Structure formats: C-alpha cells, structure tokens
C-alpha cells in the first residue's frame, strides 16, 4: 500500500541566492528548497522531486516574476534532457556574478573565512558565450550513435546540437554507425579547425582505442607555442581559456631571473612555459604531471626552455623537489590539492603562488589549508570558462601572511 504524500507537490516561493551545482536556494516558512532552472530574485512555482524528502528539491515549472537576467535558452541538447547547459537561461554577464557569489559562500562556509579576510573577487566571462567548446567526450549507444548523457543518467541524447560546441564538433556523430558500439567517443576540433575522433572502450589493461576520424594527436596553441596533444588528453575546453591563464600567470607573478618555479598538475606544460618566461634562461622550472603522455608532449613543445618534466603523482613528488622555490603554479583536478600537497609547497617558502581551482568547494577547503600554513589570499578572480553551465574556475594568488 502506498503512503500518500504529506506535503504539497507544487509550491510557490521567491528564490533567494545561488547554490553550488547549478541550483538556487528558495525559502518557504524557514524551509530550504533547492531549485533548478531559477534565478535569485524570481518568484517561481516549484514542482518538487519528492515531497516527502527531508530536503526539498525541485524544478521551476513556472516563472511567475522573471528576472531581468533571464534569457531564452539556446541549447537544443539541454532542452532534450542532456545535462550540459544547466544555466543556459541566465544572461552570461550575470551568470559570472552568480558564480562569484557561489565562490564567496564556499569560502565562508567551507573555508571558514570572514568576509573581511577576503579580497573582493574580480570576474571574467570568457568570450564567446556559445560555440566555445573544442573538446568533448560522448557516450555511444548499441547502434553506434554518439551523444551527450542525459542529466543524472547513462542514457544518451543524440542528433541534437549543444550550444557549447564549436561549429562542426558533433556533426554527423548522432547517426547510426558513426562509431563502434558502446564505450565513449573523444572528439576534438583543433587549432587548425581539423576534427579528430577516438573511440575508447574498456578500462585499464582492457582499454582499447580506435581512431574513427582524423589523427591520434591534435594541434593546440597557447602563449605563442604549439602543442601536439592526444585526442583523449587534457586541454582547456574553452577555446580562449589557455591563453587567458597564460596571460594571467605572467601578470600575477613577478619576474624572477634565475629563480626556481614549480608547475604542479602541469599537463603538457602550458603553464610551465609561462613560468620559464618569468625565471629566464638561468632559472629552472619543474613540471609534475601524473600522465606520462602529457610530459612527452611538453618535452617536445618546450625543448628550448629550462623546463624539467617529472611523471608522478603531485603529492608523492612535491616533497622531493627541493627545500626552496620562488614561484608555484598549481592547477589541481576537481578533488583539489589536499592538505599534504599544500603543506609541502608551503614548507618550500615560495614568495608567490597561483592556485587555479576548478571546484569552489574543494578550492575553499584548500584555501583554509593555505591559511593554516602561513599564506593568505592576495587576490581572487572568478573565471567563467564554462559559459551556460554552473562550473567555474578560480584564480587565486597566495602570498606569505608575514
């Protein structure tokens, strides 16, 4: 026998503030509701996912008083249920301000910072707001059709375009037989406009790759240099992101002739090249990255620079890099750098650190570890490198507290 719901399934409320993950927070009689598809300040009718749940979640099924920042969504894939452009209904110039609020909320709640301790974050919305994604990973169904995953599902949305993608990135890939059945399809539109597609199935020793289109490596450029990156390797998704980060590193860190610098979670060495410019030919840059293929790309691209590449987990390597360093750049994955890594960096007494965080919650945790180990946040920049989505990047400068 089914127990009837004890609460209404549809309610009306005013949205109060953004929450991490693409939802917003509405309040009703002191109760918190997490709402998808709403903008702070709007009055909305909310259809609840589960009226009997302890924490109410739901979707804004009707917008009764719309925000002036609401726009018509441009993403066909998201309209079909794909989990891609979850903030496509928010004006991009305002979306970055919402992301700023999410970061500050995380620093206060998770990082335990007082507002007075924090510098006022600047915001950068990378253009363009649509047609920016050059790399994508798609699921493939049993008929060989590639597509995006539906929100919180393994099911696929095929045959419709995502507003994030550069022209031609997914053309024809939703047709039957476009790729071998099952697995995933890694697709790149490189700096020369050429498309490459690699089908991958299995994991570990059972992993198998089949080149479906183009070449195994894609030409990418940043900071005036060319990198030949594997199709399934890491490169910034937004076509303007790599150059923006390289430029900001050059602006935020001091020129240090003959200095030592570390590039941690360094990938193919894009940031190592920027650090090499700062320390000059008499300096030394050590770049640490887990994946050996990335180091091979970097050695080829930066053969004329004083950069040493090490293949290792950062937490295992950082304590062995030396007792003194001048400059550090770290760009950890969404899980963050963690206490062990940050303590080891702080023990080497860098004069300045640029920490690039791709998740506001783990960045806030890492920021507290920096503070507990003698470093304060000198500046903060919120970068919307994923327009139309809830994802954000943080560029923080850390300096010694004393």
Protein backbone atom coordinates (compact mmCIF):
# COMPACT_ATOMS: atom_id res chain seq x y z
CA UNK A 1 0.00 0.00 0.00
CA UNK A 2 1.39 3.42 -0.98
CA UNK A 3 1.52 6.05 1.72
CA UNK A 4 0.16 9.36 0.38
CA UNK A 5 2.43 12.41 0.35
CA UNK A 6 2.15 14.53 3.47
CA UNK A 7 3.26 17.72 1.72
CA UNK A 8 2.15 19.52 -1.43
CA UNK A 9 3.94 18.53 -4.64
CA UNK A 10 3.90 22.07 -6.03
CA UNK A 11 4.74 25.24 -4.11
CA UNK A 12 5.45 28.91 -4.79
CA UNK A 13 8.48 30.72 -3.41
CA UNK A 14 10.92 33.54 -4.06
CA UNK A 15 14.46 32.44 -4.97
CA UNK A 16 16.98 33.82 -2.51
CA UNK A 17 20.54 33.02 -3.69
CA UNK A 18 22.59 30.68 -5.89
CA UNK A 19 23.86 27.32 -4.69
CA UNK A 20 26.81 25.31 -5.93
CA UNK A 21 25.91 22.80 -8.61
CA UNK A 22 23.53 24.87 -10.73
CA UNK A 23 20.65 25.04 -8.29
CA UNK A 24 19.35 28.07 -6.38
CA UNK A 25 18.05 28.33 -2.84
CA UNK A 26 14.48 29.34 -2.15
CA UNK A 27 13.00 29.76 1.33
CA UNK A 28 9.44 28.96 2.39
CA UNK A 29 8.45 29.36 6.04
CA UNK A 30 12.07 28.87 7.05
CA UNK A 31 12.44 25.73 4.95
CA UNK A 32 15.19 25.49 2.32
CA UNK A 33 14.30 24.36 -1.19
CA UNK A 34 16.95 23.69 -3.84
CA UNK A 35 15.54 24.76 -7.20
CA UNK A 36 16.72 24.04 -10.73
CA UNK A 37 16.01 26.49 -13.52
CA UNK A 38 15.58 29.59 -11.36
CA UNK A 39 17.46 32.87 -10.84
CA UNK A 40 17.78 34.69 -7.49
CA UNK A 41 15.03 37.26 -7.10
CA UNK A 42 12.46 35.36 -9.15
CA UNK A 43 9.11 34.17 -7.83
CA UNK A 44 8.58 30.68 -9.18
CA UNK A 45 6.22 27.75 -8.98
CA UNK A 46 8.30 24.73 -7.98
CA UNK A 47 7.42 21.14 -8.79
CA UNK A 48 9.07 19.04 -6.09
CA UNK A 49 11.03 15.90 -6.94
CA UNK A 50 9.94 14.20 -3.70
CA UNK A 51 7.51 16.00 -1.43
CA UNK A 52 8.30 13.66 1.46
CA UNK A 53 12.08 14.14 1.31
CA UNK A 54 13.78 15.80 4.24
CA UNK A 55 15.47 18.28 1.89
CA UNK A 56 13.15 19.58 -0.78
CA UNK A 57 14.47 19.72 -4.33
CA UNK A 58 12.56 20.66 -7.43
CA UNK A 59 12.38 22.42 -10.76
CA UNK A 60 10.95 25.85 -11.54
CA UNK A 61 7.98 24.68 -13.61
CA UNK A 62 6.55 28.22 -13.92
CA UNK A 63 8.34 31.56 -13.58
CA UNK A 64 5.78 33.95 -12.11
CA UNK A 65 8.04 37.00 -11.79
CA UNK A 66 11.07 36.62 -14.09
CA UNK A 67 14.49 38.13 -13.51
CA UNK A 68 15.68 40.78 -15.99
CA UNK A 69 18.71 38.49 -16.41
CA UNK A 70 16.64 35.60 -17.81
CA UNK A 71 17.27 34.82 -21.49
CA UNK A 72 15.90 32.32 -23.98
CA UNK A 73 17.98 29.12 -23.79
CA UNK A 74 19.93 28.36 -26.96
CA UNK A 75 20.84 24.70 -26.35
CA UNK A 76 18.77 22.08 -28.17
CA UNK A 77 20.52 19.25 -26.34
CA UNK A 78 19.68 20.66 -22.90
CA UNK A 79 16.06 21.15 -23.99
CA UNK A 80 16.02 17.44 -24.92
CA UNK A 81 17.23 16.50 -21.42
CA UNK A 82 21.02 16.47 -21.74
CA UNK A 83 22.97 17.52 -18.68
CA UNK A 84 25.04 20.14 -20.50
CA UNK A 85 23.85 23.77 -20.40
CA UNK A 86 22.18 23.89 -16.98
CA UNK A 87 22.49 27.70 -16.75
CA UNK A 88 21.68 28.43 -20.37
CA UNK A 89 18.69 30.52 -19.30
CA UNK A 90 20.89 33.09 -17.48
CA UNK A 91 22.48 36.06 -19.24
CA UNK A 92 26.23 35.25 -19.40
CA UNK A 93 27.22 38.64 -17.99
CA UNK A 94 25.12 37.95 -14.89
CA UNK A 95 25.97 34.25 -14.63
CA UNK A 96 29.57 35.06 -13.72
CA UNK A 97 28.28 37.25 -10.85
CA UNK A 98 26.24 34.30 -9.56
CA UNK A 99 29.38 32.17 -9.72
CA UNK A 100 31.23 34.83 -7.75
CA UNK A 101 28.57 34.55 -5.03
CA UNK A 102 28.92 30.75 -5.02
CA UNK A 103 32.68 31.04 -4.53
CA UNK A 104 32.36 33.53 -1.66
CA UNK A 105 29.70 31.38 0.01
CA UNK A 106 32.03 28.38 -0.15
CA UNK A 107 34.94 30.34 1.28
CA UNK A 108 32.77 31.45 4.20
CA UNK A 109 31.06 28.11 4.94
CA UNK A 110 33.72 25.55 3.99
CA UNK A 111 36.87 27.64 4.24
CA UNK A 112 35.68 29.37 7.44
CA UNK A 113 36.86 32.77 6.23
CA UNK A 114 35.45 36.02 7.46
CA UNK A 115 34.44 38.40 4.68
CA UNK A 116 36.95 40.94 5.97
CA UNK A 117 39.79 38.46 5.35
CA UNK A 118 38.99 38.08 1.67
CA UNK A 119 39.86 40.38 -1.23
CA UNK A 120 36.99 41.43 -3.47
CA UNK A 121 36.94 38.95 -6.34
CA UNK A 122 37.12 40.20 -9.88
CA UNK A 123 35.11 38.41 -12.56
CA UNK A 124 35.93 37.41 -16.13
CA UNK A 125 33.37 35.94 -18.51
CA UNK A 126 35.43 34.39 -21.28
CA UNK A 127 34.04 35.07 -24.74
CA UNK A 128 32.36 33.61 -26.67
CA UNK A 129 29.42 32.51 -24.51
CA UNK A 130 28.35 29.91 -27.08
CA UNK A 131 30.39 27.92 -29.58
CA UNK A 132 33.36 27.76 -27.23
CA UNK A 133 33.94 24.04 -26.58
CA UNK A 134 36.64 22.37 -28.70
CA UNK A 135 36.87 19.01 -26.87
CA UNK A 136 34.08 16.71 -25.81
CA UNK A 137 33.57 13.15 -24.58
CA UNK A 138 30.41 11.44 -25.80
CA UNK A 139 28.67 8.21 -24.95
CA UNK A 140 27.96 5.71 -27.75
CA UNK A 141 24.86 3.52 -27.89
CA UNK A 142 24.47 -0.02 -29.26
CA UNK A 143 23.67 1.38 -32.72
CA UNK A 144 26.91 3.37 -32.85
CA UNK A 145 25.23 6.75 -32.28
CA UNK A 146 27.25 9.19 -30.18
CA UNK A 147 25.61 11.74 -27.91
CA UNK A 148 25.56 13.57 -24.63
CA UNK A 149 24.43 11.93 -21.40
CA UNK A 150 21.06 12.91 -20.02
CA UNK A 151 21.07 14.69 -16.69
CA UNK A 152 22.00 12.20 -13.93
CA UNK A 153 21.63 9.28 -16.32
CA UNK A 154 23.65 6.99 -18.58
CA UNK A 155 21.03 7.39 -21.32
CA UNK A 156 22.02 9.40 -24.38
CA UNK A 157 20.62 12.38 -26.25
CA UNK A 158 21.60 12.02 -29.90
CA UNK A 159 21.06 14.00 -33.06
CA UNK A 160 20.74 17.44 -31.42
CA UNK A 161 23.33 20.20 -31.04
CA UNK A 162 24.79 21.60 -27.82
CA UNK A 163 25.23 25.37 -27.69
CA UNK A 164 28.68 24.97 -26.13
CA UNK A 165 30.24 23.32 -29.17
CA UNK A 166 32.32 24.98 -31.85
CA UNK A 167 30.91 24.57 -35.32
CA UNK A 168 31.09 21.04 -36.62
CA UNK A 169 32.24 19.38 -33.40
CA UNK A 170 29.39 16.85 -33.30
CA UNK A 171 28.10 16.96 -36.89
CA UNK A 172 27.02 13.51 -38.07
CA UNK A 173 28.08 11.73 -34.89
CA UNK A 174 24.50 11.07 -33.80
CA UNK A 175 23.82 8.95 -36.86
CA UNK A 176 23.67 5.18 -36.71
CA UNK A 177 27.09 3.61 -37.26
CA UNK A 178 29.03 6.83 -36.66
CA UNK A 179 31.27 4.96 -34.17
CA UNK A 180 31.79 1.42 -32.88
CA UNK A 181 29.02 0.41 -30.48
CA UNK A 182 29.36 1.14 -26.77
CA UNK A 183 32.15 2.93 -24.95
CA UNK A 184 32.94 6.59 -25.44
CA UNK A 185 33.95 8.85 -28.28
CA UNK A 186 36.56 11.58 -27.66
CA UNK A 187 36.13 14.38 -30.21
CA UNK A 188 38.40 17.39 -30.81
CA UNK A 189 38.24 20.37 -33.16
CA UNK A 190 41.87 21.50 -33.06
CA UNK A 191 43.53 24.89 -33.50
CA UNK A 192 43.68 24.34 -37.27
CA UNK A 193 39.97 23.50 -37.44
CA UNK A 194 40.53 19.79 -38.11
CA UNK A 195 38.25 17.26 -36.38
CA UNK A 196 39.62 14.15 -34.69
CA UNK A 197 37.58 11.35 -33.11
CA UNK A 198 38.88 8.47 -30.99
CA UNK A 199 36.59 5.66 -29.82
CA UNK A 200 37.56 4.12 -26.46
CA UNK A 201 36.07 1.07 -24.79
CA UNK A 202 37.13 -0.75 -21.63
CA UNK A 203 39.38 0.31 -18.78
CA UNK A 204 42.88 -0.43 -17.59
CA UNK A 205 44.57 -3.27 -19.47
CA UNK A 206 41.32 -3.94 -21.33
CA UNK A 207 41.14 -0.40 -22.69
CA UNK A 208 41.06 -0.28 -26.48
CA UNK A 209 41.13 2.74 -28.76
CA UNK A 210 40.02 3.03 -32.40
CA UNK A 211 40.71 6.12 -34.47
CA UNK A 212 37.38 6.96 -36.11
CA UNK A 213 38.40 10.23 -37.75
CA UNK A 214 41.48 12.40 -38.10
CA UNK A 215 44.71 11.76 -36.22
CA UNK A 216 45.66 10.44 -32.74
CA UNK A 217 47.02 13.89 -31.81
CA UNK A 218 45.51 17.35 -32.23
CA UNK A 219 47.38 20.60 -32.74
CA UNK A 220 46.70 23.12 -29.95
CA UNK A 221 48.25 26.56 -29.39
CA UNK A 222 48.67 28.75 -26.30
CA UNK A 223 51.08 31.52 -25.37
CA UNK A 224 52.51 31.54 -28.88
CA UNK A 225 53.52 27.86 -28.69
CA UNK A 226 52.23 24.74 -30.39
CA UNK A 227 51.39 21.52 -28.55
CA UNK A 228 50.51 18.16 -30.15
CA UNK A 229 48.00 16.80 -27.63
CA UNK A 230 46.47 13.30 -27.74
CA UNK A 231 42.79 13.33 -28.66
CA UNK A 232 41.95 11.79 -25.27
CA UNK A 233 44.45 14.03 -23.42
CA UNK A 234 43.71 17.14 -21.39
CA UNK A 235 43.41 20.60 -22.90
CA UNK A 236 41.29 23.51 -21.72
CA UNK A 237 37.75 23.07 -23.06
CA UNK A 238 37.08 26.76 -23.78
CA UNK A 239 38.99 27.93 -26.82
CA UNK A 240 40.05 31.15 -25.04
CA UNK A 241 40.93 29.62 -21.66
CA UNK A 242 44.55 28.50 -22.14
CA UNK A 243 45.68 31.88 -23.44
CA UNK A 244 43.81 33.67 -20.64
CA UNK A 245 45.51 31.62 -17.93
CA UNK A 246 48.95 32.04 -19.51
CA UNK A 247 48.44 35.80 -19.68
CA UNK A 248 47.24 35.99 -16.07
CA UNK A 249 50.20 33.98 -14.77
CA UNK A 250 52.52 36.49 -16.44
CA UNK A 251 50.60 39.36 -14.85
CA UNK A 252 50.18 37.92 -11.36
CA UNK A 253 53.67 36.51 -10.74
CA UNK A 254 56.86 38.62 -10.59
CA UNK A 255 59.76 38.33 -12.98
CA UNK A 256 62.39 36.33 -11.09
CA UNK A 257 65.61 35.96 -13.15
CA UNK A 258 67.48 32.80 -12.22
CA UNK A 259 64.64 31.65 -9.96
CA UNK A 260 63.13 28.23 -9.37
CA UNK A 261 59.50 27.52 -10.21
CA UNK A 262 57.14 24.57 -9.92
CA UNK A 263 54.28 23.78 -12.29
CA UNK A 264 52.14 21.23 -10.45
CA UNK A 265 49.45 19.16 -12.16
CA UNK A 266 51.21 20.59 -15.17
CA UNK A 267 49.64 18.65 -18.05
CA UNK A 268 51.52 19.30 -21.29
CA UNK A 269 53.40 22.27 -19.80
CA UNK A 270 51.38 25.28 -20.94
CA UNK A 271 51.90 27.00 -17.59
CA UNK A 272 55.50 25.78 -17.38
CA UNK A 273 56.23 27.85 -20.48
CA UNK A 274 54.77 30.93 -18.78
CA UNK A 275 56.91 30.27 -15.69
CA UNK A 276 60.01 29.81 -17.85
CA UNK A 277 59.48 33.30 -19.25
CA UNK A 278 59.48 34.65 -15.68
CA UNK A 279 62.64 32.89 -14.43
CA UNK A 280 64.58 33.32 -17.68
CA UNK A 281 67.29 31.12 -19.22
CA UNK A 282 69.25 30.92 -15.95
CA UNK A 283 66.24 29.72 -13.99
CA UNK A 284 64.63 26.30 -13.71
CA UNK A 285 61.04 25.11 -13.95
CA UNK A 286 59.94 21.67 -12.75
CA UNK A 287 56.62 20.44 -14.11
CA UNK A 288 54.92 17.49 -12.39
CA UNK A 289 52.10 15.53 -14.06
CA UNK A 290 50.68 12.06 -13.49
CA UNK A 291 50.29 11.09 -17.13
CA UNK A 292 53.47 10.23 -19.00
CA UNK A 293 51.99 11.08 -22.41
CA UNK A 294 51.46 14.67 -21.29
CA UNK A 295 55.12 15.01 -20.26
CA UNK A 296 56.20 13.71 -23.68
CA UNK A 297 54.12 16.42 -25.37
CA UNK A 298 55.64 19.06 -23.11
CA UNK A 299 59.23 17.98 -23.70
CA UNK A 300 58.72 18.30 -27.44
CA UNK A 301 56.94 21.67 -27.24
CA UNK A 302 59.30 23.28 -24.70
CA UNK A 303 62.64 21.80 -25.78
CA UNK A 304 64.19 25.29 -25.92
CA UNK A 305 63.20 26.22 -22.36
CA UNK A 306 64.71 25.37 -18.93
CA UNK A 307 61.84 23.04 -18.05
CA UNK A 308 62.21 19.60 -16.46
CA UNK A 309 59.23 17.23 -16.66
CA UNK A 310 58.56 14.61 -13.98
CA UNK A 311 55.91 11.92 -14.23
CA UNK A 312 54.47 11.33 -10.77
CA UNK A 313 51.52 11.97 -8.55
CA UNK A 314 51.99 15.50 -7.24
CA UNK A 315 51.52 14.54 -3.58
CA UNK A 316 54.31 11.97 -3.93
CA UNK A 317 56.71 14.27 -5.80
CA UNK A 318 56.32 17.68 -4.23
CA UNK A 319 58.24 16.87 -1.06
CA UNK A 320 61.24 15.77 -3.16
CA UNK A 321 61.51 18.83 -5.41
CA UNK A 322 63.78 20.80 -3.12
CA UNK A 323 63.68 22.90 0.02
CA UNK A 324 63.28 26.28 -1.67
CA UNK A 325 61.20 27.54 -4.56
CA UNK A 326 60.34 31.05 -5.71
CA UNK A 327 57.16 30.68 -7.76
CA UNK A 328 54.49 27.99 -7.90
CA UNK A 329 51.50 27.41 -10.16
CA UNK A 330 49.13 24.57 -9.33
CA UNK A 331 46.01 23.56 -11.22
CA UNK A 332 44.64 20.51 -9.39
CA UNK A 333 41.66 18.41 -10.51
CA UNK A 334 38.18 18.89 -9.05
CA UNK A 335 39.17 16.93 -5.95
CA UNK A 336 41.58 19.75 -5.06
CA UNK A 337 45.22 19.71 -4.00
CA UNK A 338 44.70 18.50 -0.44
CA UNK A 339 46.47 19.11 2.86
CA UNK A 340 49.60 17.07 2.17
CA UNK A 341 50.45 18.84 -1.08
CA UNK A 342 49.77 22.32 0.22
CA UNK A 343 51.81 21.75 3.38
CA UNK A 344 54.76 20.56 1.27
CA UNK A 345 54.57 23.61 -1.01
CA UNK A 346 54.33 25.99 1.94
CA UNK A 347 57.37 24.33 3.54
CA UNK A 348 59.43 25.40 0.48
CA UNK A 349 58.53 29.06 1.17
CA UNK A 350 57.52 30.33 -2.28
CA UNK A 351 57.21 34.10 -2.47
CA UNK A 352 54.05 33.81 -4.54
CA UNK A 353 51.67 31.03 -5.60
CA UNK A 354 48.96 30.98 -8.26
CA UNK A 355 46.34 28.37 -7.38
CA UNK A 356 43.77 27.62 -10.09
CA UNK A 357 40.73 25.85 -8.68
CA UNK A 358 38.02 24.25 -10.79
CA UNK A 359 35.60 23.44 -7.96
CA UNK A 360 34.54 26.11 -5.43
CA UNK A 361 34.04 23.66 -2.56
CA UNK A 362 37.43 21.94 -2.79
CA UNK A 363 39.11 25.27 -3.51
CA UNK A 364 37.61 26.68 -0.29
CA UNK A 365 38.98 23.70 1.64
CA UNK A 366 42.41 24.18 0.05
CA UNK A 367 42.31 27.92 0.80
CA UNK A 368 41.84 27.14 4.51
CA UNK A 369 44.86 24.82 4.38
CA UNK A 370 46.91 27.62 2.83
CA UNK A 371 45.81 29.95 5.63
CA UNK A 372 46.70 27.37 8.28
CA UNK A 373 50.18 27.06 6.74
CA UNK A 374 51.13 30.72 6.66
CA UNK A 375 49.63 32.00 3.39
CA UNK A 376 46.83 34.47 2.74
CA UNK A 377 44.77 35.12 -0.36
CA UNK A 378 46.19 38.19 -2.09
CA UNK A 379 43.72 38.28 -4.97
CA UNK A 380 40.80 36.31 -6.38
CA UNK A 381 39.45 36.09 -9.91
CA UNK A 382 36.34 34.14 -10.87
CA UNK A 383 36.61 32.96 -14.47
CA UNK A 384 33.55 31.75 -16.33
CA UNK A 385 35.40 29.33 -18.59
CA UNK A 386 32.25 27.17 -18.96
CA UNK A 387 29.51 29.58 -20.13
CA UNK A 388 25.99 28.25 -19.89
CA UNK A 389 26.93 25.83 -17.11
CA UNK A 390 27.33 26.06 -13.33
CA UNK A 391 31.06 25.29 -13.50
CA UNK A 392 33.57 27.99 -12.61
CA UNK A 393 37.30 28.46 -12.28
CA UNK A 394 39.08 30.44 -9.56
CA UNK A 395 42.48 32.05 -9.96
CA UNK A 396 43.92 32.90 -6.55
CA UNK A 397 47.24 34.47 -5.65
CA UNK A 398 48.65 33.25 -2.33
CA UNK A 399 51.33 35.25 -0.52
CA UNK A 400 53.05 34.74 2.84
CA UNK A 401 50.96 36.06 5.71
CA UNK A 402 54.00 37.76 7.23
